[in-house]
PDB file of all heavy atoms in Angstrom:
ATOM      1  N   THR A   1      43.707 -20.187  68.025  1.00  0.00           N
ATOM      2  CA  THR A   1      44.852 -21.001  68.451  1.00  0.00           C
ATOM      3  C   THR A   1      44.566 -21.814  69.713  1.00  0.00           C
ATOM      4  O   THR A   1      45.420 -22.549  70.184  1.00  0.00           O
ATOM      5  CB  THR A   1      46.071 -20.099  68.708  1.00  0.00           C
ATOM      6  OG1 THR A   1      45.731 -19.088  69.663  1.00  0.00           O
ATOM      7  CG2 THR A   1      46.515 -19.431  67.418  1.00  0.00           C
ATOM      8  N   SER A   2      43.355 -21.675  70.253  1.00  0.00           N
ATOM      9  CA  SER A   2      42.952 -22.467  71.419  1.00  0.00           C
ATOM     10  C   SER A   2      41.478 -22.844  71.246  1.00  0.00           C
ATOM     11  O   SER A   2      40.753 -22.212  70.470  1.00  0.00           O
ATOM     12  CB  SER A   2      43.160 -21.683  72.715  1.00  0.00           C
ATOM     13  OG  SER A   2      42.419 -20.471  72.680  1.00  0.00           O
ATOM     14  N   PRO A   3      41.008 -23.877  71.953  1.00  0.00           N
ATOM     15  CA  PRO A   3      39.638 -24.361  71.757  1.00  0.00           C
ATOM     16  C   PRO A   3      38.579 -23.289  72.001  1.00  0.00           C
ATOM     17  O   PRO A   3      38.676 -22.490  72.936  1.00  0.00           O
ATOM     18  CB  PRO A   3      39.520 -25.503  72.769  1.00  0.00           C
ATOM     19  CG  PRO A   3      40.927 -25.988  72.954  1.00  0.00           C
ATOM     20  CD  PRO A   3      41.774 -24.749  72.878  1.00  0.00           C
ATOM     21  N   ILE A   4      37.560 -23.301  71.158  1.00  0.00           N
ATOM     22  CA  ILE A   4      36.410 -22.400  71.292  1.00  0.00           C
ATOM     23  C   ILE A   4      35.272 -23.117  72.015  1.00  0.00           C
ATOM     24  O   ILE A   4      34.503 -22.510  72.749  1.00  0.00           O
ATOM     25  CB  ILE A   4      35.933 -21.936  69.902  1.00  0.00           C
ATOM     26  CG1 ILE A   4      37.038 -21.157  69.197  1.00  0.00           C
ATOM     27  CG2 ILE A   4      34.668 -21.099  70.003  1.00  0.00           C
ATOM     28  CD1 ILE A   4      36.723 -20.836  67.758  1.00  0.00           C
ATOM     29  N   ILE A   5      35.186 -24.426  71.786  1.00  0.00           N
ATOM     30  CA  ILE A   5      34.122 -25.237  72.387  1.00  0.00           C
ATOM     31  C   ILE A   5      34.751 -26.250  73.328  1.00  0.00           C
ATOM     32  O   ILE A   5      35.686 -26.965  72.944  1.00  0.00           O
ATOM     33  CB  ILE A   5      33.315 -25.972  71.290  1.00  0.00           C
ATOM     34  CG1 ILE A   5      32.639 -24.964  70.355  1.00  0.00           C
ATOM     35  CG2 ILE A   5      32.277 -26.904  71.913  1.00  0.00           C
ATOM     36  CD1 ILE A   5      31.949 -25.607  69.168  1.00  0.00           C
ATOM     37  N   ASP A   6      34.248 -26.315  74.558  1.00  0.00           N
ATOM     38  CA  ASP A   6      34.738 -27.315  75.500  1.00  0.00           C
ATOM     39  C   ASP A   6      33.561 -27.868  76.312  1.00  0.00           C
ATOM     40  O   ASP A   6      32.403 -27.464  76.123  1.00  0.00           O
ATOM     41  CB  ASP A   6      35.823 -26.745  76.425  1.00  0.00           C
ATOM     42  CG  ASP A   6      35.359 -25.529  77.212  1.00  0.00           C
ATOM     43  OD1 ASP A   6      34.125 -25.292  77.283  1.00  0.00           O
ATOM     44  OD2 ASP A   6      36.204 -24.815  77.767  1.00  0.00           O
ATOM     45  N   ARG A   7      33.856 -28.790  77.182  1.00  0.00           N
ATOM     46  CA  ARG A   7      32.810 -29.451  77.977  1.00  0.00           C
ATOM     47  C   ARG A   7      32.010 -28.440  78.806  1.00  0.00           C
ATOM     48  O   ARG A   7      30.778 -28.512  78.875  1.00  0.00           O
ATOM     49  CB  ARG A   7      33.457 -30.502  78.890  1.00  0.00           C
ATOM     50  CG  ARG A   7      32.436 -31.207  79.793  1.00  0.00           C
ATOM     51  CD  ARG A   7      33.122 -32.066  80.848  1.00  0.00           C
ATOM     52  NE  ARG A   7      32.134 -32.499  81.841  1.00  0.00           N
ATOM     53  CZ  ARG A   7      31.494 -33.647  81.802  1.00  0.00           C
ATOM     54  NH1 ARG A   7      31.746 -34.515  80.817  1.00  0.00           N
ATOM     55  NH2 ARG A   7      30.610 -33.970  82.722  1.00  0.00           N
ATOM     56  N   ALA A   8      32.714 -27.501  79.434  1.00  0.00           N
ATOM     57  CA  ALA A   8      32.031 -26.532  80.290  1.00  0.00           C
ATOM     58  C   ALA A   8      30.996 -25.735  79.510  1.00  0.00           C
ATOM     59  O   ALA A   8      29.874 -25.509  79.981  1.00  0.00           O
ATOM     60  CB  ALA A   8      33.050 -25.604  80.939  1.00  0.00           C
ATOM     61  N   LEU A   9      31.365 -25.287  78.307  1.00  0.00           N
ATOM     62  CA  LEU A   9      30.443 -24.518  77.485  1.00  0.00           C
ATOM     63  C   LEU A   9      29.227 -25.362  77.096  1.00  0.00           C
ATOM     64  O   LEU A   9      28.077 -24.914  77.228  1.00  0.00           O
ATOM     65  CB  LEU A   9      31.150 -24.013  76.224  1.00  0.00           C
ATOM     66  CG  LEU A   9      30.259 -23.296  75.213  1.00  0.00           C
ATOM     67  CD1 LEU A   9      29.648 -22.031  75.805  1.00  0.00           C
ATOM     68  CD2 LEU A   9      31.052 -22.960  73.944  1.00  0.00           C
ATOM     69  N   LEU A  10      29.473 -26.578  76.619  1.00  0.00           N
ATOM     70  CA  LEU A  10      28.368 -27.427  76.175  1.00  0.00           C
ATOM     71  C   LEU A  10      27.452 -27.788  77.340  1.00  0.00           C
ATOM     72  O   LEU A  10      26.227 -27.856  77.181  1.00  0.00           O
ATOM     73  CB  LEU A  10      28.908 -28.693  75.511  1.00  0.00           C
ATOM     74  CG  LEU A  10      29.654 -28.489  74.184  1.00  0.00           C
ATOM     75  CD1 LEU A  10      30.057 -29.828  73.591  1.00  0.00           C
ATOM     76  CD2 LEU A  10      28.807 -27.704  73.192  1.00  0.00           C
ATOM     77  N   THR A  11      28.039 -28.034  78.495  1.00  0.00           N
ATOM     78  CA  THR A  11      27.222 -28.362  79.679  1.00  0.00           C
ATOM     79  C   THR A  11      26.287 -27.213  80.025  1.00  0.00           C
ATOM     80  O   THR A  11      25.138 -27.426  80.448  1.00  0.00           O
ATOM     81  CB  THR A  11      28.132 -28.684  80.883  1.00  0.00           C
ATOM     82  OG1 THR A  11      28.983 -29.776  80.543  1.00  0.00           O
ATOM     83  CG2 THR A  11      27.310 -29.053  82.103  1.00  0.00           C
ATOM     84  N   SER A  12      26.748 -26.002  79.806  1.00  0.00           N
ATOM     85  CA  SER A  12      25.940 -24.833  80.180  1.00  0.00           C
ATOM     86  C   SER A  12      24.868 -24.495  79.149  1.00  0.00           C
ATOM     87  O   SER A  12      23.878 -23.849  79.489  1.00  0.00           O
ATOM     88  CB  SER A  12      26.847 -23.617  80.386  1.00  0.00           C
ATOM     89  OG  SER A  12      27.419 -23.213  79.151  1.00  0.00           O
ATOM     90  N   VAL A  13      25.041 -24.929  77.897  1.00  0.00           N
ATOM     91  CA  VAL A  13      24.085 -24.497  76.860  1.00  0.00           C
ATOM     92  C   VAL A  13      23.193 -25.623  76.341  1.00  0.00           C
ATOM     93  O   VAL A  13      22.093 -25.350  75.841  1.00  0.00           O
ATOM     94  CB  VAL A  13      24.817 -23.838  75.667  1.00  0.00           C
ATOM     95  CG1 VAL A  13      25.607 -22.636  76.116  1.00  0.00           C
ATOM     96  CG2 VAL A  13      25.697 -24.825  74.927  1.00  0.00           C
ATOM     97  N   LEU A  14      23.629 -26.877  76.435  1.00  0.00           N
ATOM     98  CA  LEU A  14      22.819 -27.968  75.900  1.00  0.00           C
ATOM     99  C   LEU A  14      21.792 -28.446  76.923  1.00  0.00           C
ATOM    100  O   LEU A  14      22.099 -28.585  78.109  1.00  0.00           O
ATOM    101  CB  LEU A  14      23.707 -29.147  75.494  1.00  0.00           C
ATOM    102  CG  LEU A  14      24.670 -28.947  74.313  1.00  0.00           C
ATOM    103  CD1 LEU A  14      25.396 -30.255  74.013  1.00  0.00           C
ATOM    104  CD2 LEU A  14      23.950 -28.447  73.076  1.00  0.00           C
ATOM    105  N   ALA A  15      20.595 -28.728  76.439  1.00  0.00           N
ATOM    106  CA  ALA A  15      19.583 -29.318  77.306  1.00  0.00           C
ATOM    107  C   ALA A  15      19.979 -30.757  77.619  1.00  0.00           C
ATOM    108  O   ALA A  15      20.738 -31.384  76.867  1.00  0.00           O
ATOM    109  CB  ALA A  15      18.229 -29.298  76.600  1.00  0.00           C
ATOM    110  N   PRO A  16      19.529 -31.317  78.727  1.00  0.00           N
ATOM    111  CA  PRO A  16      19.855 -32.708  79.057  1.00  0.00           C
ATOM    112  C   PRO A  16      19.462 -33.644  77.911  1.00  0.00           C
ATOM    113  O   PRO A  16      18.374 -33.546  77.363  1.00  0.00           O
ATOM    114  CB  PRO A  16      19.017 -32.981  80.315  1.00  0.00           C
ATOM    115  CG  PRO A  16      18.801 -31.633  80.912  1.00  0.00           C
ATOM    116  CD  PRO A  16      18.694 -30.683  79.760  1.00  0.00           C
ATOM    117  N   GLN A  17      20.371 -34.518  77.559  1.00  0.00           N
ATOM    118  CA  GLN A  17      20.161 -35.511  76.513  1.00  0.00           C
ATOM    119  C   GLN A  17      20.079 -34.904  75.107  1.00  0.00           C
ATOM    120  O   GLN A  17      19.798 -35.626  74.150  1.00  0.00           O
ATOM    121  CB  GLN A  17      18.906 -36.357  76.766  1.00  0.00           C
ATOM    122  CG  GLN A  17      18.776 -36.906  78.178  1.00  0.00           C
ATOM    123  CD  GLN A  17      20.006 -37.685  78.604  1.00  0.00           C
ATOM    124  OE1 GLN A  17      20.607 -38.401  77.809  1.00  0.00           O
ATOM    125  NE2 GLN A  17      20.388 -37.544  79.872  1.00  0.00           N
ATOM    126  N   GLN A  18      20.324 -33.586  74.952  1.00  0.00           N
ATOM    127  CA  GLN A  18      20.271 -32.993  73.608  1.00  0.00           C
ATOM    128  C   GLN A  18      21.468 -33.461  72.797  1.00  0.00           C
ATOM    129  O   GLN A  18      22.611 -33.190  73.155  1.00  0.00           O
ATOM    130  CB  GLN A  18      20.282 -31.459  73.690  1.00  0.00           C
ATOM    131  CG  GLN A  18      20.254 -30.783  72.319  1.00  0.00           C
ATOM    132  CD  GLN A  18      20.368 -29.266  72.412  1.00  0.00           C
ATOM    133  OE1 GLN A  18      20.210 -28.692  73.496  1.00  0.00           O
ATOM    134  NE2 GLN A  18      20.648 -28.622  71.301  1.00  0.00           N
ATOM    135  N   PRO A  19      21.238 -34.198  71.690  1.00  0.00           N
ATOM    136  CA  PRO A  19      22.360 -34.724  70.914  1.00  0.00           C
ATOM    137  C   PRO A  19      23.044 -33.643  70.085  1.00  0.00           C
ATOM    138  O   PRO A  19      22.397 -32.698  69.613  1.00  0.00           O
ATOM    139  CB  PRO A  19      21.700 -35.768  70.019  1.00  0.00           C
ATOM    140  CG  PRO A  19      20.312 -35.277  69.836  1.00  0.00           C
ATOM    141  CD  PRO A  19      19.936 -34.606  71.127  1.00  0.00           C
ATOM    142  N   LEU A  20      24.340 -33.800  69.896  1.00  0.00           N
ATOM    143  CA  LEU A  20      25.104 -32.838  69.100  1.00  0.00           C
ATOM    144  C   LEU A  20      26.298 -33.547  68.466  1.00  0.00           C
ATOM    145  O   LEU A  20      26.990 -34.322  69.131  1.00  0.00           O
ATOM    146  CB  LEU A  20      25.596 -31.682  69.973  1.00  0.00           C
ATOM    147  CG  LEU A  20      26.376 -30.562  69.255  1.00  0.00           C
ATOM    148  CD1 LEU A  20      25.456 -29.805  68.295  1.00  0.00           C
ATOM    149  CD2 LEU A  20      26.999 -29.598  70.264  1.00  0.00           C
ATOM    150  N   MET A  21      26.518 -33.291  67.186  1.00  0.00           N
ATOM    151  CA  MET A  21      27.696 -33.803  66.503  1.00  0.00           C
ATOM    152  C   MET A  21      28.639 -32.641  66.208  1.00  0.00           C
ATOM    153  O   MET A  21      28.221 -31.617  65.660  1.00  0.00           O
ATOM    154  CB  MET A  21      27.316 -34.496  65.182  1.00  0.00           C
ATOM    155  CG  MET A  21      28.528 -35.058  64.433  1.00  0.00           C
ATOM    156  SD  MET A  21      28.106 -35.687  62.782  1.00  0.00           S
ATOM    157  CE  MET A  21      27.101 -37.099  63.201  1.00  0.00           C
ATOM    158  N   LEU A  22      29.917 -32.796  66.581  1.00  0.00           N
ATOM    159  CA  LEU A  22      30.942 -31.773  66.343  1.00  0.00           C
ATOM    160  C   LEU A  22      31.978 -32.336  65.379  1.00  0.00           C
ATOM    161  O   LEU A  22      32.517 -33.418  65.608  1.00  0.00           O
ATOM    162  CB  LEU A  22      31.615 -31.378  67.656  1.00  0.00           C
ATOM    163  CG  LEU A  22      30.716 -30.786  68.747  1.00  0.00           C
ATOM    164  CD1 LEU A  22      31.474 -30.715  70.068  1.00  0.00           C
ATOM    165  CD2 LEU A  22      30.234 -29.404  68.341  1.00  0.00           C
ATOM    166  N   ILE A  23      32.258 -31.604  64.306  1.00  0.00           N
ATOM    167  CA  ILE A  23      33.296 -32.012  63.352  1.00  0.00           C
ATOM    168  C   ILE A  23      34.274 -30.858  63.222  1.00  0.00           C
ATOM    169  O   ILE A  23      33.954 -29.804  62.649  1.00  0.00           O
ATOM    170  CB  ILE A  23      32.697 -32.401  61.987  1.00  0.00           C
ATOM    171  CG1 ILE A  23      31.721 -33.569  62.161  1.00  0.00           C
ATOM    172  CG2 ILE A  23      33.806 -32.768  61.004  1.00  0.00           C
ATOM    173  CD1 ILE A  23      31.073 -34.029  60.876  1.00  0.00           C
ATOM    174  N   ASP A  24      35.458 -31.039  63.767  1.00  0.00           N
ATOM    175  CA  ASP A  24      36.476 -29.985  63.865  1.00  0.00           C
ATOM    176  C   ASP A  24      37.555 -30.228  62.814  1.00  0.00           C
ATOM    177  O   ASP A  24      38.293 -31.204  62.888  1.00  0.00           O
ATOM    178  CB  ASP A  24      37.080 -30.010  65.274  1.00  0.00           C
ATOM    179  CG  ASP A  24      38.095 -28.906  65.503  1.00  0.00           C
ATOM    180  OD1 ASP A  24      38.269 -28.054  64.610  1.00  0.00           O
ATOM    181  OD2 ASP A  24      38.725 -28.901  66.574  1.00  0.00           O
ATOM    182  N   ILE A  25      37.648 -29.353  61.807  1.00  0.00           N
ATOM    183  CA  ILE A  25      38.671 -29.519  60.768  1.00  0.00           C
ATOM    184  C   ILE A  25      39.768 -28.457  60.891  1.00  0.00           C
ATOM    185  O   ILE A  25      40.480 -28.169  59.941  1.00  0.00           O
ATOM    186  CB  ILE A  25      38.051 -29.506  59.356  1.00  0.00           C
ATOM    187  CG1 ILE A  25      37.267 -28.222  59.095  1.00  0.00           C
ATOM    188  CG2 ILE A  25      37.171 -30.730  59.149  1.00  0.00           C
ATOM    189  CD1 ILE A  25      36.758 -28.095  57.659  1.00  0.00           C
ATOM    190  N   SER A  26      39.907 -27.899  62.079  1.00  0.00           N
ATOM    191  CA  SER A  26      40.940 -26.884  62.322  1.00  0.00           C
ATOM    192  C   SER A  26      42.145 -27.494  63.022  1.00  0.00           C
ATOM    193  O   SER A  26      42.020 -28.430  63.794  1.00  0.00           O
ATOM    194  CB  SER A  26      40.384 -25.760  63.201  1.00  0.00           C
ATOM    195  OG  SER A  26      39.308 -25.122  62.576  1.00  0.00           O
ATOM    196  N   VAL A  27      43.313 -26.947  62.719  1.00  0.00           N
ATOM    197  CA  VAL A  27      44.547 -27.259  63.440  1.00  0.00           C
ATOM    198  C   VAL A  27      45.278 -25.942  63.651  1.00  0.00           C
ATOM    199  O   VAL A  27      45.637 -25.297  62.663  1.00  0.00           O
ATOM    200  CB  VAL A  27      45.445 -28.251  62.665  1.00  0.00           C
ATOM    201  CG1 VAL A  27      46.739 -28.503  63.441  1.00  0.00           C
ATOM    202  CG2 VAL A  27      44.715 -29.563  62.418  1.00  0.00           C
ATOM    203  N   PRO A  28      45.448 -25.509  64.923  1.00  0.00           N
ATOM    204  CA  PRO A  28      45.069 -26.146  66.182  1.00  0.00           C
ATOM    205  C   PRO A  28      43.552 -26.364  66.279  1.00  0.00           C
ATOM    206  O   PRO A  28      42.783 -25.659  65.658  1.00  0.00           O
ATOM    207  CB  PRO A  28      45.554 -25.155  67.238  1.00  0.00           C
ATOM    208  CG  PRO A  28      46.593 -24.324  66.553  1.00  0.00           C
ATOM    209  CD  PRO A  28      46.139 -24.222  65.144  1.00  0.00           C
ATOM    210  N   ARG A  29      43.167 -27.336  67.112  1.00  0.00           N
ATOM    211  CA  ARG A  29      41.770 -27.711  67.217  1.00  0.00           C
ATOM    212  C   ARG A  29      40.903 -26.619  67.860  1.00  0.00           C
ATOM    213  O   ARG A  29      41.345 -25.920  68.757  1.00  0.00           O
ATOM    214  CB  ARG A  29      41.639 -29.013  68.025  1.00  0.00           C
ATOM    215  CG  ARG A  29      42.111 -30.252  67.281  1.00  0.00           C
ATOM    216  CD  ARG A  29      42.146 -31.459  68.179  1.00  0.00           C
ATOM    217  NE  ARG A  29      43.167 -31.322  69.224  1.00  0.00           N
ATOM    218  CZ  ARG A  29      43.365 -32.221  70.180  1.00  0.00           C
ATOM    219  NH1 ARG A  29      42.602 -33.310  70.233  1.00  0.00           N
ATOM    220  NH2 ARG A  29      44.310 -32.034  71.077  1.00  0.00           N
ATOM    221  N   ASN A  30      39.689 -26.502  67.354  1.00  0.00           N
ATOM    222  CA  ASN A  30      38.707 -25.573  67.922  1.00  0.00           C
ATOM    223  C   ASN A  30      37.864 -26.224  69.005  1.00  0.00           C
ATOM    224  O   ASN A  30      37.182 -25.525  69.764  1.00  0.00           O
ATOM    225  CB  ASN A  30      37.763 -25.059  66.828  1.00  0.00           C
ATOM    226  CG  ASN A  30      38.438 -24.153  65.815  1.00  0.00           C
ATOM    227  OD1 ASN A  30      37.895 -23.909  64.754  1.00  0.00           O
ATOM    228  ND2 ASN A  30      39.638 -23.656  66.117  1.00  0.00           N
TER     229      ASN A  30
END
């Protein structure tokens, strides 16, 4: 019922410039 992925999480786990595509088909949004 609340986001699982946010900017803070991605900033901590993605390498600099590492591309990622997110497709969220949940409501409420994940």
